Amino acid sequence: MKTFYSFSLLALAASLMAATACKKLPPSKPASQWTAQEASGAAVYKNYCARCHYPNNTYDLHGPGLQALYKQKYMPSGAPANDERITTIILHGRGMMPATQITDEQLADLLAYLKTL
């Protein structure tokens, strides 16, 4: 009975992981449709974020991929995906992610870009 129970839990965990991994995320907004602010934010992303985060998938580089970051209720860390929490992480860092020194305008542009992902 114990072996069956352990196997059942393992099978359930595997199926949940497969369902999560196969979850199709909404596509990113095409660059041809970006506003000027979103395009500026893409440049900020390239300069400060791209070396650690993929923009168009959820695979880890040095940090989690950010596709559909704002299109989900929670970030990969489990924190809410909202401007307040994302701003805090960008400006103050979290875990291995260092704080990012950017201007208020760069931050606003970056947040606009992240919403296109």
C-alpha atoms as a PDB file:
ATOM      1  CA  MET A   1       0.000   0.000   0.000  1.00  0.00           C
ATOM      2  CA  LYS A   2       2.822   2.395   0.886  1.00  0.00           C
ATOM      3  CA  THR A   3       4.496   1.780  -2.487  1.00  0.00           C
ATOM      4  CA  PHE A   4       1.223   2.400  -4.345  1.00  0.00           C
ATOM      5  CA  TYR A   5       0.675   5.630  -2.387  1.00  0.00           C
ATOM      6  CA  SER A   6       4.230   6.813  -3.139  1.00  0.00           C
ATOM      7  CA  PHE A   7       3.833   5.931  -6.811  1.00  0.00           C
ATOM      8  CA  SER A   8       0.498   7.751  -6.986  1.00  0.00           C
ATOM      9  CA  LEU A   9       1.994  10.910  -5.478  1.00  0.00           C
ATOM     10  CA  LEU A  10       4.938  10.730  -7.849  1.00  0.00           C
ATOM     11  CA  ALA A  11       2.616  10.289 -10.846  1.00  0.00           C
ATOM     12  CA  LEU A  12       0.454  13.202  -9.703  1.00  0.00           C
ATOM     13  CA  ALA A  13       3.500  15.453  -9.235  1.00  0.00           C
ATOM     14  CA  ALA A  14       4.843  14.484 -12.673  1.00  0.00           C
ATOM     15  CA  SER A  15       1.523  15.191 -14.370  1.00  0.00           C
ATOM     16  CA  LEU A  16       1.217  18.574 -12.646  1.00  0.00           C
ATOM     17  CA  MET A  17       4.750  19.500 -13.693  1.00  0.00           C
ATOM     18  CA  ALA A  18       4.040  18.407 -17.278  1.00  0.00           C
ATOM     19  CA  ALA A  19       0.812  20.416 -17.372  1.00  0.00           C
ATOM     20  CA  THR A  20       2.622  23.479 -16.069  1.00  0.00           C
ATOM     21  CA  ALA A  21       5.560  23.054 -18.454  1.00  0.00           C
ATOM     22  CA  CYS A  22       3.226  22.633 -21.429  1.00  0.00           C
ATOM     23  CA  LYS A  23       1.138  25.655 -20.546  1.00  0.00           C
ATOM     24  CA  LYS A  24       1.089  27.865 -23.601  1.00  0.00           C
ATOM     25  CA  LEU A  25       1.784  31.478 -22.701  1.00  0.00           C
ATOM     26  CA  PRO A  26       0.305  34.402 -24.605  1.00  0.00           C
ATOM     27  CA  PRO A  27       2.628  35.754 -27.301  1.00  0.00           C
ATOM     28  CA  SER A  28       4.624  38.925 -26.871  1.00  0.00           C
ATOM     29  CA  LYS A  29       3.522  42.078 -28.646  1.00  0.00           C
ATOM     30  CA  PRO A  30       5.392  42.362 -31.969  1.00  0.00           C
ATOM     31  CA  ALA A  31       8.146  44.990 -31.990  1.00  0.00           C
ATOM     32  CA  SER A  32       6.498  46.577 -35.022  1.00  0.00           C
ATOM     33  CA  GLN A  33       3.547  47.500 -32.765  1.00  0.00           C
ATOM     34  CA  TRP A  34       5.526  48.964 -29.856  1.00  0.00           C
ATOM     35  CA  THR A  35       4.915  52.523 -28.747  1.00  0.00           C
ATOM     36  CA  ALA A  36       7.903  54.874 -28.433  1.00  0.00           C
ATOM     37  CA  GLN A  37       7.940  54.225 -24.676  1.00  0.00           C
ATOM     38  CA  GLU A  38       7.913  50.444 -25.143  1.00  0.00           C
ATOM     39  CA  ALA A  39      10.760  50.684 -27.680  1.00  0.00           C
ATOM     40  CA  SER A  40      12.746  52.806 -25.229  1.00  0.00           C
ATOM     41  CA  GLY A  41      12.017  50.218 -22.546  1.00  0.00           C
ATOM     42  CA  ALA A  42      13.329  47.476 -24.836  1.00  0.00           C
ATOM     43  CA  ALA A  43      16.631  49.371 -25.014  1.00  0.00           C
ATOM     44  CA  VAL A  44      16.723  49.622 -21.206  1.00  0.00           C
ATOM     45  CA  TYR A  45      15.985  45.884 -21.029  1.00  0.00           C
ATOM     46  CA  LYS A  46      18.803  45.127 -23.466  1.00  0.00           C
ATOM     47  CA  ASN A  47      21.273  47.207 -21.437  1.00  0.00           C
ATOM     48  CA  TYR A  48      20.329  46.064 -17.943  1.00  0.00           C
ATOM     49  CA  CYS A  49      18.310  42.844 -18.036  1.00  0.00           C
ATOM     50  CA  ALA A  50      19.004  40.755 -21.152  1.00  0.00           C
ATOM     51  CA  ARG A  51      22.245  39.241 -19.902  1.00  0.00           C
ATOM     52  CA  CYS A  52      20.277  37.408 -17.197  1.00  0.00           C
ATOM     53  CA  HIS A  53      16.658  37.134 -18.425  1.00  0.00           C
ATOM     54  CA  TYR A  54      15.229  35.829 -21.691  1.00  0.00           C
ATOM     55  CA  PRO A  55      12.392  38.088 -22.879  1.00  0.00           C
ATOM     56  CA  ASN A  56      10.434  35.626 -25.025  1.00  0.00           C
ATOM     57  CA  ASN A  57      10.373  32.401 -23.042  1.00  0.00           C
ATOM     58  CA  THR A  58      10.289  31.265 -19.428  1.00  0.00           C
ATOM     59  CA  TYR A  59      13.570  29.329 -19.400  1.00  0.00           C
ATOM     60  CA  ASP A  60      16.241  30.309 -16.902  1.00  0.00           C
ATOM     61  CA  LEU A  61      19.336  32.077 -18.186  1.00  0.00           C
ATOM     62  CA  HIS A  62      20.821  33.418 -14.945  1.00  0.00           C
ATOM     63  CA  GLY A  63      17.357  34.480 -13.824  1.00  0.00           C
ATOM     64  CA  PRO A  64      13.915  33.401 -15.001  1.00  0.00           C
ATOM     65  CA  GLY A  65      12.658  34.111 -18.502  1.00  0.00           C
ATOM     66  CA  LEU A  66      10.100  36.907 -18.478  1.00  0.00           C
ATOM     67  CA  GLN A  67       7.637  36.033 -21.238  1.00  0.00           C
ATOM     68  CA  ALA A  68       4.074  36.859 -20.146  1.00  0.00           C
ATOM     69  CA  LEU A  69       5.381  38.361 -16.894  1.00  0.00           C
ATOM     70  CA  TYR A  70       2.385  40.677 -16.528  1.00  0.00           C
ATOM     71  CA  LYS A  71      -0.052  38.269 -18.162  1.00  0.00           C
ATOM     72  CA  GLN A  72       0.113  35.892 -15.212  1.00  0.00           C
ATOM     73  CA  LYS A  73      -1.093  36.467 -11.692  1.00  0.00           C
ATOM     74  CA  TYR A  74       2.268  35.628 -10.127  1.00  0.00           C
ATOM     75  CA  MET A  75       5.922  35.909 -11.080  1.00  0.00           C
ATOM     76  CA  PRO A  76       8.154  32.797 -11.075  1.00  0.00           C
ATOM     77  CA  SER A  77       9.112  33.657  -7.478  1.00  0.00           C
ATOM     78  CA  GLY A  78       5.469  33.457  -6.400  1.00  0.00           C
ATOM     79  CA  ALA A  79       5.226  37.215  -5.772  1.00  0.00           C
ATOM     80  CA  PRO A  80       2.356  39.117  -7.402  1.00  0.00           C
ATOM     81  CA  ALA A  81       3.054  40.321 -10.926  1.00  0.00           C
ATOM     82  CA  ASN A  82       2.261  44.016 -10.512  1.00  0.00           C
ATOM     83  CA  ASP A  83       4.080  47.329 -10.972  1.00  0.00           C
ATOM     84  CA  GLU A  84       4.773  47.774  -7.265  1.00  0.00           C
ATOM     85  CA  ARG A  85       6.415  44.375  -6.757  1.00  0.00           C
ATOM     86  CA  ILE A  86       8.302  44.375 -10.051  1.00  0.00           C
ATOM     87  CA  THR A  87       9.586  47.914  -9.402  1.00  0.00           C
ATOM     88  CA  THR A  88      10.835  46.854  -5.963  1.00  0.00           C
ATOM     89  CA  ILE A  89      12.685  43.882  -7.431  1.00  0.00           C
ATOM     90  CA  ILE A  90      14.238  45.971 -10.208  1.00  0.00           C
ATOM     91  CA  LEU A  91      15.376  48.797  -7.922  1.00  0.00           C
ATOM     92  CA  HIS A  92      16.387  46.786  -4.851  1.00  0.00           C
ATOM     93  CA  GLY A  93      17.202  43.348  -6.255  1.00  0.00           C
ATOM     94  CA  ARG A  94      16.122  40.004  -4.868  1.00  0.00           C
ATOM     95  CA  GLY A  95      18.125  36.883  -4.135  1.00  0.00           C
ATOM     96  CA  MET A  96      20.979  36.777  -6.639  1.00  0.00           C
ATOM     97  CA  MET A  97      19.570  39.651  -8.687  1.00  0.00           C
ATOM     98  CA  PRO A  98      21.389  42.885  -7.908  1.00  0.00           C
ATOM     99  CA  ALA A  99      19.716  46.259  -7.561  1.00  0.00           C
ATOM    100  CA  THR A 100      19.469  48.156 -10.843  1.00  0.00           C
ATOM    101  CA  GLN A 101      20.384  51.836 -10.898  1.00  0.00           C
ATOM    102  CA  ILE A 102      18.097  53.459 -13.469  1.00  0.00           C
ATOM    103  CA  THR A 103      16.236  56.749 -13.705  1.00  0.00           C
ATOM    104  CA  ASP A 104      12.508  57.100 -13.109  1.00  0.00           C
ATOM    105  CA  GLU A 105      11.993  57.551 -16.863  1.00  0.00           C
ATOM    106  CA  GLN A 106      13.998  54.411 -17.650  1.00  0.00           C
ATOM    107  CA  LEU A 107      11.977  52.509 -15.056  1.00  0.00           C
ATOM    108  CA  ALA A 108       8.659  53.649 -16.549  1.00  0.00           C
ATOM    109  CA  ASP A 109       9.886  52.693 -20.031  1.00  0.00           C
ATOM    110  CA  LEU A 110      11.129  49.307 -18.803  1.00  0.00           C
ATOM    111  CA  LEU A 111       7.805  48.528 -17.121  1.00  0.00           C
ATOM    112  CA  ALA A 112       5.986  49.479 -20.335  1.00  0.00           C
ATOM    113  CA  TYR A 113       8.229  47.090 -22.284  1.00  0.00           C
ATOM    114  CA  LEU A 114       7.836  44.254 -19.771  1.00  0.00           C
ATOM    115  CA  LYS A 115       4.071  44.504 -20.262  1.00  0.00           C
ATOM    116  CA  THR A 116       4.569  43.720 -23.972  1.00  0.00           C
ATOM    117  CA  LEU A 117       6.212  40.389 -23.215  1.00  0.00           C
END
